[in-house]
Amino acid sequence: MIDRAEVQRVDDERMTADEQKIDDPAPPVSVPVPRPGPRPGPRPTAGPSPHQVTAPRSDPHRFGRVDAAGTVWLISAAGERIIGSWQAGDPDAAFAHFGRRFDDLSTEITLMEERLTAGTTDARKIKANASALAETLPTVCVLGDIDALAGRLTGLLEQAGAMIAADRSRRDEHRAAQTAQKEALAAEAEDLAANSTHWKVAGDRMRVILDEWKNITGLDRKTDEALWKRYSAARDTFNRRRGSHFSELDRERSGIRQAKERLCERAEELSDSTDWTDTSAEFRKLLTEWKAVGRASKELDDALWHRFKAAQDVFFKARNAVTAEKDTELNANAGAKEALLAQAEKIDTSNHDAAKAALRSIADKWEAIGKVPREQSAELERRLRAIEKKVRDAAETERSDPEAQARAEQFRTRAEQFERQAAKAEAAGRTKEAEEAKANAEQWRQWADTAAKALTRRS
């Protein structure tokens, strides 16, 4: 837009040289006679110059008059009003002078119209300038279609107002959309702060929300500050919850570490024990407690587990070595008893005394051999009892009462041996072995009773 001050300055320069030719006017406004020669143009300004803009021109003679006293009158729809006094020179010069001033004013309006249409200037600035220009129309000193200028300014104000309203609507829509985005981010942050326990994922999302937040602009300051307070408060709440969680987790892990260290110490105390049965049970109990305690940090938990397992391995390696040695001995005993059974199965039962002596010798060796593997014990004893029964049955008809009495006594002795064996096993905590010995004792006791009853029937 043409700077009105610049236009006024050019006109003032033009008028200064001519003021000497003008008498004091009778009307309130004194107007100079234009200076001969080319009129100076305005200094270059940004945007199109008045000489580059085609503005509608008006015939000053149609819209004004100069009376005989030199008073210059403007004719408009509102009537006539005095705009100046021309005291010297041709009246046509007055029309030309005030016409040029009208053309400059028209050109200024044209520039504003073109810039508004092109969108090169803020519509609010154009509206302000047009409004200010419209306020000068009732007193401006020009000759031309002033009503047309007023109409153009009215249209310019309406167009600028519509553009301002449209721009305001766009800004309002943009502001509403940007506000909605920040409200959604604030609500998401508040939800994360109140409910999320996926700390890493939620923490990463909180940082992304902040990055997205920085790229959202155009909100009014009050709303932006209120939403920022919501996000900031949510972030603080989340950080406090996360900090509290990890503090509690550290306390829990510290308790777990201490508990597992105590279990390690107990396992290390038991690692040298040779009480295989009770210590094995105690290690099973420690392992159950270990699982119930929970987990510390992975690195610490792995280190404590290696320590616990090392103590456990010391004990079970020693126990397994002893067990292997014992198994070797028991298997050897089983082989020896198998050999005795093979001898016993070959006893000649036709000679009762010889058979009895041979069986007694085998029984003594049998007892001297000792224990065999548990899974073979019952079968070996069954086979020996079968051989003893075979010898007894063969001698039944030949045996005298004293011999029957000796047999019954032998059965009782055998039962007593198993009873002592059961008592010894029970005292050592070998429950299953004690039960087997008791069963054998009971069987031999029944045979002794049966033999005693047979003697009673014979007598």
Protein backbone atom coordinates (compact mmCIF):
# COMPACT_ATOMS: atom_id res chain seq x y z
CA MET A 1 0.00 0.00 0.00
CA ILE A 2 1.18 3.58 -0.77
CA ASP A 3 2.32 5.35 2.33
CA ARG A 4 -0.18 8.19 2.80
CA ALA A 5 2.44 10.24 4.60
CA GLU A 6 4.69 9.93 1.56
CA VAL A 7 1.92 11.06 -0.80
CA GLN A 8 1.14 13.96 1.52
CA ARG A 9 4.84 14.89 1.61
CA VAL A 10 5.01 15.02 -2.22
CA ASP A 11 1.89 17.18 -2.39
CA ASP A 12 3.27 19.46 0.30
CA GLU A 13 6.52 19.90 -1.65
CA ARG A 14 4.49 20.69 -4.77
CA MET A 15 2.38 23.19 -2.90
CA THR A 16 5.22 24.96 -1.06
CA ALA A 17 6.63 26.62 -4.22
CA ASP A 18 3.19 27.87 -5.27
CA GLU A 19 1.98 29.33 -1.99
CA GLN A 20 3.40 32.74 -2.88
CA LYS A 21 0.85 33.00 -5.77
CA ILE A 22 -2.19 32.35 -3.54
CA ASP A 23 -4.05 35.08 -1.73
CA ASP A 24 -5.56 34.50 1.67
CA PRO A 25 -8.75 32.57 0.91
CA ALA A 26 -12.11 33.60 2.18
CA PRO A 27 -13.10 29.94 2.88
CA PRO A 28 -11.52 28.11 5.84
CA VAL A 29 -9.06 26.14 3.67
CA SER A 30 -6.26 27.76 1.60
CA VAL A 31 -5.10 25.83 -1.45
CA PRO A 32 -1.89 26.66 -3.43
CA VAL A 33 -1.62 27.02 -7.17
CA PRO A 34 0.26 24.12 -8.74
CA ARG A 35 3.89 24.78 -9.65
CA PRO A 36 4.72 24.79 -13.41
CA GLY A 37 6.82 22.02 -14.80
CA PRO A 38 6.92 18.28 -14.11
CA ARG A 39 5.56 17.22 -10.75
CA PRO A 40 7.97 15.21 -8.64
CA GLY A 41 6.97 11.64 -7.94
CA PRO A 42 7.07 9.94 -4.54
CA ARG A 43 10.18 8.25 -3.27
CA PRO A 44 10.40 4.53 -4.10
CA THR A 45 8.46 2.37 -1.64
CA ALA A 46 7.92 -1.34 -1.22
CA GLY A 47 5.30 -2.72 -3.58
CA PRO A 48 3.83 -1.14 -6.71
CA SER A 49 4.23 2.64 -7.17
CA PRO A 50 1.28 4.86 -8.07
CA HIS A 51 2.55 5.10 -11.65
CA GLN A 52 2.50 1.31 -11.95
CA VAL A 53 -1.13 0.96 -10.89
CA THR A 54 -4.04 1.65 -13.20
CA ALA A 55 -6.64 3.40 -11.08
CA PRO A 56 -10.04 4.61 -12.25
CA ARG A 57 -9.88 8.31 -12.99
CA SER A 58 -12.61 10.84 -12.38
CA ASP A 59 -13.40 14.07 -14.23
CA PRO A 60 -12.96 16.84 -11.62
CA HIS A 61 -15.26 19.14 -13.57
CA ARG A 62 -18.21 16.76 -12.98
CA PHE A 63 -17.76 16.75 -9.23
CA GLY A 64 -16.76 20.31 -8.42
CA ARG A 65 -16.83 24.00 -9.29
CA VAL A 66 -14.82 27.17 -8.76
CA ASP A 67 -16.97 30.23 -8.17
CA ALA A 68 -16.17 33.79 -9.15
CA ALA A 69 -14.54 34.42 -5.76
CA GLY A 70 -12.07 31.57 -6.37
CA THR A 71 -13.71 29.25 -3.83
CA VAL A 72 -13.38 25.59 -4.80
CA TRP A 73 -16.45 23.45 -4.11
CA LEU A 74 -16.76 19.58 -4.04
CA ILE A 75 -20.10 18.19 -5.19
CA SER A 76 -21.22 14.81 -3.71
CA ALA A 77 -24.42 13.03 -2.83
CA ALA A 78 -24.32 14.79 0.52
CA GLY A 79 -24.29 18.19 -1.20
CA GLU A 80 -21.58 20.78 -1.72
CA ARG A 81 -18.70 21.58 0.60
CA ILE A 82 -15.74 23.97 0.31
CA ILE A 83 -12.39 22.29 -0.17
CA GLY A 84 -10.17 25.33 -0.84
CA SER A 85 -9.69 28.72 -2.44
CA TRP A 86 -7.97 29.45 -5.78
CA GLN A 87 -7.03 33.14 -5.87
CA ALA A 88 -4.67 33.29 -8.81
CA GLY A 89 -4.39 31.57 -12.09
CA ASP A 90 -6.77 29.75 -14.40
CA PRO A 91 -9.62 27.87 -12.63
CA ASP A 92 -8.74 24.86 -14.79
CA ALA A 93 -5.45 24.70 -12.89
CA ALA A 94 -7.48 24.36 -9.69
CA PHE A 95 -9.48 21.50 -11.22
CA ALA A 96 -6.23 19.86 -12.36
CA HIS A 97 -4.60 20.26 -8.94
CA PHE A 98 -7.46 18.92 -6.87
CA GLY A 99 -8.11 16.25 -9.53
CA ARG A 100 -4.57 14.97 -9.19
CA ARG A 101 -5.06 14.76 -5.44
CA PHE A 102 -8.23 12.75 -6.06
CA ASP A 103 -6.34 10.45 -8.44
CA ASP A 104 -3.62 9.90 -5.82
CA LEU A 105 -6.28 8.98 -3.29
CA SER A 106 -7.95 6.65 -5.80
CA THR A 107 -4.60 5.06 -6.59
CA GLU A 108 -3.99 4.43 -2.90
CA ILE A 109 -7.35 2.65 -2.65
CA THR A 110 -6.56 0.66 -5.81
CA LEU A 111 -3.26 -0.49 -4.32
CA MET A 112 -5.05 -1.66 -1.20
CA GLU A 113 -7.64 -3.52 -3.33
CA GLU A 114 -4.97 -5.26 -5.39
CA ARG A 115 -2.85 -6.20 -2.39
CA LEU A 116 -5.88 -7.53 -0.57
CA THR A 117 -6.86 -9.61 -3.59
CA ALA A 118 -3.28 -10.86 -4.06
CA GLY A 119 -2.95 -11.66 -0.35
CA THR A 120 0.42 -9.94 -0.11
CA THR A 121 -0.55 -7.83 2.89
CA ASP A 122 -2.24 -8.61 6.18
CA ALA A 123 -5.99 -8.01 5.75
CA ARG A 124 -6.15 -6.49 9.22
CA LYS A 125 -3.57 -3.87 8.25
CA ILE A 126 -5.44 -3.04 5.05
CA LYS A 127 -8.71 -2.77 6.97
CA ALA A 128 -7.11 -0.41 9.47
CA ASN A 129 -5.70 1.77 6.70
CA ALA A 130 -8.96 1.73 4.74
CA SER A 131 -10.91 2.64 7.87
CA ALA A 132 -8.56 5.51 8.61
CA LEU A 133 -8.82 6.70 4.99
CA ALA A 134 -12.63 6.48 5.10
CA GLU A 135 -12.64 8.71 8.17
CA THR A 136 -10.82 11.45 6.17
CA LEU A 137 -13.26 11.46 3.24
CA PRO A 138 -15.65 14.00 4.81
CA THR A 139 -12.80 16.57 5.02
CA VAL A 140 -10.41 15.54 2.25
CA CYS A 141 -9.54 18.27 -0.26
CA VAL A 142 -9.97 16.59 -3.64
CA LEU A 143 -12.16 16.89 -6.70
CA GLY A 144 -13.67 13.71 -8.04
CA ASP A 145 -16.26 11.06 -7.42
CA ILE A 146 -15.84 11.01 -3.65
CA ASP A 147 -18.97 8.86 -3.31
CA ALA A 148 -17.38 6.22 -5.53
CA LEU A 149 -14.29 6.28 -3.30
CA ALA A 150 -16.51 5.87 -0.25
CA GLY A 151 -18.22 2.92 -1.90
CA ARG A 152 -14.91 1.35 -2.82
CA LEU A 153 -13.65 1.81 0.74
CA THR A 154 -16.85 0.27 2.09
CA GLY A 155 -16.37 -2.74 -0.22
CA LEU A 156 -12.72 -2.90 0.76
CA LEU A 157 -13.63 -2.88 4.44
CA GLU A 158 -16.24 -5.59 3.88
CA GLN A 159 -13.82 -7.76 1.88
CA ALA A 160 -11.05 -7.28 4.42
CA GLY A 161 -13.49 -8.01 7.23
CA ALA A 162 -14.60 -11.22 5.50
CA MET A 163 -11.00 -12.26 4.98
CA ILE A 164 -10.18 -11.43 8.59
CA ALA A 165 -13.20 -13.46 9.74
CA ALA A 166 -12.20 -16.37 7.49
CA ASP A 167 -8.64 -16.16 8.74
CA ARG A 168 -9.89 -16.00 12.31
CA SER A 169 -12.09 -19.04 11.63
CA ARG A 170 -9.13 -20.92 10.20
CA ARG A 171 -7.02 -19.93 13.17
CA ASP A 172 -9.80 -20.96 15.52
CA GLU A 173 -10.13 -24.33 13.79
CA HIS A 174 -6.38 -24.79 13.83
CA ARG A 175 -6.25 -23.76 17.48
CA ALA A 176 -9.09 -26.16 18.31
CA ALA A 177 -7.35 -29.02 16.48
CA GLN A 178 -4.03 -28.26 18.14
CA THR A 179 -5.75 -27.96 21.50
CA ALA A 180 -7.47 -31.31 20.96
CA GLN A 181 -4.11 -32.92 20.17
CA LYS A 182 -2.52 -31.58 23.35
CA GLU A 183 -5.60 -32.55 25.39
CA ALA A 184 -5.30 -36.10 24.01
CA LEU A 185 -1.58 -36.20 24.85
CA ALA A 186 -2.25 -34.83 28.35
CA ALA A 187 -5.00 -37.43 28.89
CA GLU A 188 -2.71 -40.22 27.66
CA ALA A 189 0.05 -39.03 29.99
CA GLU A 190 -2.40 -38.96 32.91
CA ASP A 191 -3.54 -42.51 32.12
CA LEU A 192 0.07 -43.74 31.98
CA ALA A 193 0.82 -41.94 35.23
CA ALA A 194 -2.16 -43.48 37.02
CA ASN A 195 -2.26 -47.03 35.65
CA SER A 196 0.82 -48.19 33.75
CA THR A 197 3.24 -50.64 35.35
CA HIS A 198 5.22 -51.31 32.18
CA TRP A 199 7.81 -48.82 33.30
CA LYS A 200 10.20 -48.86 30.34
CA VAL A 201 7.49 -48.77 27.67
CA ALA A 202 5.54 -46.07 29.53
CA GLY A 203 8.70 -44.03 30.18
CA ASP A 204 9.63 -44.15 26.50
CA ARG A 205 6.09 -43.09 25.57
CA MET A 206 6.25 -40.16 28.02
CA ARG A 207 9.36 -38.89 26.22
CA VAL A 208 7.70 -39.29 22.81
CA ILE A 209 4.66 -37.36 24.08
CA LEU A 210 6.97 -34.52 25.06
CA ASP A 211 8.56 -34.47 21.60
CA GLU A 212 5.12 -34.44 19.96
CA TRP A 213 4.00 -31.72 22.37
CA LYS A 214 6.80 -29.38 21.28
CA ASN A 215 5.69 -29.62 17.64
CA ILE A 216 2.10 -28.54 18.40
CA THR A 217 1.70 -24.75 18.24
CA GLY A 218 -1.03 -22.17 17.80
CA LEU A 219 -2.84 -22.49 21.15
CA ASP A 220 -3.73 -19.48 23.22
CA ARG A 221 -1.30 -19.01 26.05
CA LYS A 222 -3.77 -19.64 28.88
CA THR A 223 -4.97 -22.94 27.43
CA ASP A 224 -1.42 -24.01 26.54
CA GLU A 225 -0.18 -23.34 30.05
CA ALA A 226 -3.12 -25.22 31.61
CA LEU A 227 -2.53 -28.27 29.39
CA TRP A 228 1.21 -28.14 30.07
CA LYS A 229 0.49 -28.21 33.79
CA ARG A 230 -1.61 -31.36 33.26
CA TYR A 231 1.14 -33.08 31.29
CA SER A 232 3.86 -31.93 33.68
CA ALA A 233 1.86 -33.12 36.71
CA ALA A 234 1.21 -36.49 35.02
CA ARG A 235 4.90 -36.89 34.22
CA ASP A 236 5.83 -36.07 37.83
CA THR A 237 3.25 -38.56 39.13
CA PHE A 238 4.57 -41.27 36.80
CA ASN A 239 8.17 -40.60 37.84
CA ARG A 240 7.21 -40.78 41.53
CA ARG A 241 5.30 -44.05 41.03
CA ARG A 242 8.16 -45.53 39.02
CA GLY A 243 10.72 -44.38 41.57
CA SER A 244 8.63 -45.78 44.42
CA HIS A 245 8.24 -49.08 42.57
CA PHE A 246 11.94 -49.52 42.01
CA SER A 247 12.74 -48.42 45.56
CA GLU A 248 10.34 -51.07 46.85
CA LEU A 249 11.81 -53.58 44.40
CA ASP A 250 15.29 -52.77 45.71
CA ARG A 251 14.09 -53.34 49.27
CA GLU A 252 12.46 -56.63 48.27
CA ARG A 253 15.57 -57.75 46.43
CA SER A 254 17.70 -56.82 49.41
CA GLY A 255 15.47 -59.02 51.60
CA ILE A 256 15.63 -61.84 49.04
CA ARG A 257 19.41 -61.53 48.85
CA GLN A 258 19.73 -61.77 52.64
CA ALA A 259 17.36 -64.75 52.80
CA LYS A 260 19.24 -66.63 50.08
CA GLU A 261 22.59 -65.82 51.66
CA ARG A 262 21.32 -67.45 54.88
CA LEU A 263 20.22 -70.51 52.89
CA CYS A 264 23.68 -70.66 51.29
CA GLU A 265 25.31 -70.50 54.71
CA ARG A 266 23.06 -73.30 56.00
CA ALA A 267 23.83 -75.42 52.92
CA GLU A 268 27.55 -74.88 53.41
CA GLU A 269 27.23 -75.98 57.05
CA LEU A 270 25.51 -79.20 55.93
CA SER A 271 27.86 -79.97 53.05
CA ASP A 272 30.30 -81.97 55.25
CA SER A 273 27.58 -84.01 56.98
CA THR A 274 27.72 -87.82 56.75
CA ASP A 275 24.20 -88.28 58.08
CA TRP A 276 23.02 -89.09 54.62
CA THR A 277 19.32 -89.62 55.27
CA ASP A 278 18.57 -86.63 57.52
CA THR A 279 20.85 -84.26 55.63
CA SER A 280 19.30 -85.22 52.30
CA ALA A 281 15.90 -84.36 53.76
CA GLU A 282 17.28 -81.06 55.06
CA PHE A 283 18.65 -80.16 51.64
CA ARG A 284 15.23 -80.84 50.10
CA LYS A 285 13.71 -78.50 52.66
CA LEU A 286 16.28 -75.79 51.88
CA LEU A 287 15.55 -76.09 48.17
CA THR A 288 11.81 -75.64 48.83
CA GLU A 289 12.55 -72.50 50.85
CA TRP A 290 14.83 -71.22 48.08
CA LYS A 291 12.03 -71.45 45.51
CA ALA A 292 9.56 -69.74 47.85
CA VAL A 293 11.84 -66.76 48.59
CA GLY A 294 11.58 -65.25 45.09
CA ARG A 295 14.17 -63.81 42.73
CA ALA A 296 16.75 -61.10 43.20
CA SER A 297 18.41 -59.40 40.23
CA LYS A 298 19.49 -61.91 37.59
CA GLU A 299 23.22 -61.47 38.12
CA LEU A 300 22.99 -61.69 41.92
CA ASP A 301 20.47 -64.54 41.83
CA ASP A 302 22.71 -66.58 39.52
CA ALA A 303 25.72 -66.03 41.79
CA LEU A 304 23.81 -67.06 44.92
CA TRP A 305 22.40 -70.14 43.17
CA HIS A 306 25.90 -71.25 42.12
CA ARG A 307 27.02 -70.86 45.73
CA PHE A 308 24.04 -72.84 47.08
CA LYS A 309 24.38 -75.58 44.48
CA ALA A 310 28.12 -75.89 45.09
CA ALA A 311 27.48 -76.69 48.77
CA GLN A 312 24.73 -79.11 47.81
CA ASP A 313 26.96 -80.82 45.28
CA VAL A 314 29.70 -81.35 47.88
CA PHE A 315 27.28 -83.27 50.10
CA PHE A 316 25.61 -85.34 47.38
CA LYS A 317 28.89 -86.16 45.71
CA ALA A 318 30.18 -87.58 49.02
CA ARG A 319 26.90 -89.39 49.64
CA ASN A 320 26.88 -90.88 46.16
CA ALA A 321 30.46 -92.07 46.58
CA VAL A 322 29.55 -93.82 49.82
CA THR A 323 26.39 -95.21 48.28
CA ALA A 324 28.32 -96.51 45.29
CA GLU A 325 30.82 -98.20 47.57
CA LYS A 326 28.01 -99.67 49.64
CA ASP A 327 26.20 -100.84 46.53
CA THR A 328 29.35 -102.61 45.40
CA GLU A 329 29.59 -104.34 48.79
CA LEU A 330 25.90 -105.30 48.80
CA ASN A 331 26.12 -106.67 45.28
CA ALA A 332 29.14 -108.73 46.31
CA ASN A 333 27.16 -110.03 49.33
CA ALA A 334 24.28 -110.93 47.04
CA GLY A 335 26.69 -112.87 44.82
CA ALA A 336 28.05 -114.71 47.87
CA LYS A 337 24.55 -115.65 49.03
CA GLU A 338 23.69 -116.80 45.50
CA ALA A 339 26.70 -119.13 45.75
CA LEU A 340 25.54 -120.42 49.17
CA LEU A 341 22.07 -121.08 47.78
CA ALA A 342 23.61 -123.04 44.94
CA GLN A 343 25.43 -125.18 47.56
CA ALA A 344 22.29 -125.55 49.66
CA GLU A 345 20.22 -126.69 46.71
CA LYS A 346 22.72 -129.58 46.29
CA ILE A 347 22.35 -130.86 49.89
CA ASP A 348 21.55 -134.59 50.06
CA THR A 349 18.41 -134.88 52.19
CA SER A 350 18.60 -138.66 52.47
CA ASN A 351 21.02 -138.32 55.37
CA HIS A 352 19.17 -136.08 57.76
CA ASP A 353 22.06 -135.41 60.13
CA ALA A 354 24.46 -134.59 57.32
CA ALA A 355 21.84 -132.44 55.61
CA LYS A 356 21.12 -130.61 58.86
CA ALA A 357 24.81 -129.99 59.52
CA ALA A 358 25.37 -128.74 55.98
CA LEU A 359 22.38 -126.42 56.20
CA ARG A 360 23.53 -125.08 59.58
CA SER A 361 26.96 -124.31 58.13
CA ILE A 362 25.36 -122.53 55.20
CA ALA A 363 23.10 -120.54 57.56
CA ASP A 364 26.09 -119.43 59.64
CA LYS A 365 27.92 -118.27 56.52
CA TRP A 366 24.71 -116.60 55.33
CA GLU A 367 24.51 -114.49 58.48
CA ALA A 368 28.21 -113.66 58.33
CA ILE A 369 27.90 -112.29 54.80
CA GLY A 370 25.60 -109.45 55.84
CA LYS A 371 23.24 -107.28 53.83
CA VAL A 372 22.39 -107.46 50.16
CA PRO A 373 20.61 -104.92 47.90
CA ARG A 374 17.11 -104.28 49.21
CA GLU A 375 15.43 -105.35 46.00
CA GLN A 376 17.13 -108.80 46.18
CA SER A 377 16.85 -109.47 49.92
CA ALA A 378 13.34 -110.92 50.03
CA GLU A 379 13.91 -113.27 47.09
CA LEU A 380 17.17 -114.64 48.53
CA GLU A 381 15.55 -115.23 51.93
CA ARG A 382 12.60 -116.97 50.27
CA ARG A 383 14.89 -119.34 48.42
CA LEU A 384 16.83 -120.16 51.61
CA ARG A 385 13.62 -120.85 53.55
CA ALA A 386 12.46 -123.14 50.76
CA ILE A 387 15.67 -125.17 51.05
CA GLU A 388 15.37 -125.34 54.84
CA LYS A 389 11.76 -126.53 54.48
CA LYS A 390 12.89 -129.15 52.01
CA VAL A 391 15.45 -130.47 54.53
CA ARG A 392 12.88 -130.45 57.35
CA ASP A 393 10.24 -132.21 55.32
CA ALA A 394 12.68 -134.93 54.27
CA ALA A 395 13.65 -135.65 57.83
CA GLU A 396 10.16 -135.45 59.28
CA THR A 397 9.63 -139.20 59.48
CA GLU A 398 13.12 -139.97 60.73
CA ARG A 399 13.44 -137.34 63.33
CA SER A 400 12.94 -138.34 66.96
CA ASP A 401 11.31 -136.12 69.50
CA PRO A 402 14.67 -134.75 70.72
CA GLU A 403 15.48 -133.90 67.16
CA ALA A 404 12.12 -132.12 66.70
CA GLN A 405 12.81 -130.25 69.91
CA ALA A 406 16.21 -129.18 68.52
CA ARG A 407 14.59 -128.05 65.31
CA ALA A 408 12.02 -125.98 67.14
CA GLU A 409 14.85 -124.49 69.20
CA GLN A 410 16.74 -123.70 66.00
CA PHE A 411 13.69 -121.94 64.60
CA ARG A 412 13.38 -119.83 67.74
CA THR A 413 17.08 -118.98 67.58
CA ARG A 414 16.67 -117.93 63.98
CA ALA A 415 13.65 -115.77 64.90
CA GLU A 416 15.63 -114.12 67.69
CA GLN A 417 18.44 -113.31 65.26
CA PHE A 418 16.05 -111.50 62.96
CA GLU A 419 14.47 -109.69 65.93
CA ARG A 420 17.90 -108.39 66.99
CA GLN A 421 18.60 -107.38 63.40
CA ALA A 422 15.26 -105.50 63.26
CA ALA A 423 15.99 -103.67 66.52
CA LYS A 424 19.43 -102.61 65.28
CA ALA A 425 18.05 -101.34 61.95
CA GLU A 426 15.26 -99.47 63.70
CA ALA A 427 17.73 -97.74 66.02
CA ALA A 428 19.76 -96.61 62.99
CA GLY A 429 16.68 -95.19 61.31
CA ARG A 430 16.62 -97.80 58.54
CA THR A 431 12.89 -98.31 58.70
CA LYS A 432 12.40 -100.49 55.64
CA GLU A 433 15.23 -102.82 56.60
CA ALA A 434 13.75 -103.10 60.11
CA GLU A 435 10.36 -104.01 58.68
CA GLU A 436 11.85 -106.78 56.53
CA ALA A 437 13.77 -108.18 59.50
CA LYS A 438 10.60 -108.17 61.63
CA ALA A 439 8.74 -110.04 58.90
CA ASN A 440 11.51 -112.69 58.76
CA ALA A 441 11.51 -112.98 62.55
CA GLU A 442 7.75 -113.48 62.57
CA GLN A 443 8.01 -116.20 59.93
CA TRP A 444 10.71 -118.08 61.86
CA ARG A 445 8.69 -117.65 65.07
CA GLN A 446 5.65 -119.22 63.41
CA TRP A 447 7.75 -122.19 62.27
CA ALA A 448 9.11 -122.61 65.80
CA ASP A 449 5.58 -122.60 67.19
CA THR A 450 4.47 -125.10 64.56
CA ALA A 451 7.36 -127.43 65.49
CA ALA A 452 6.54 -127.11 69.17
CA LYS A 453 2.88 -127.96 68.51
CA ALA A 454 3.94 -131.05 66.53
CA LEU A 455 5.97 -132.29 69.54
CA THR A 456 2.99 -131.74 71.78
CA ARG A 457 0.73 -133.80 69.52
CA ARG A 458 3.26 -136.68 69.50
CA SER A 459 3.56 -136.78 73.23
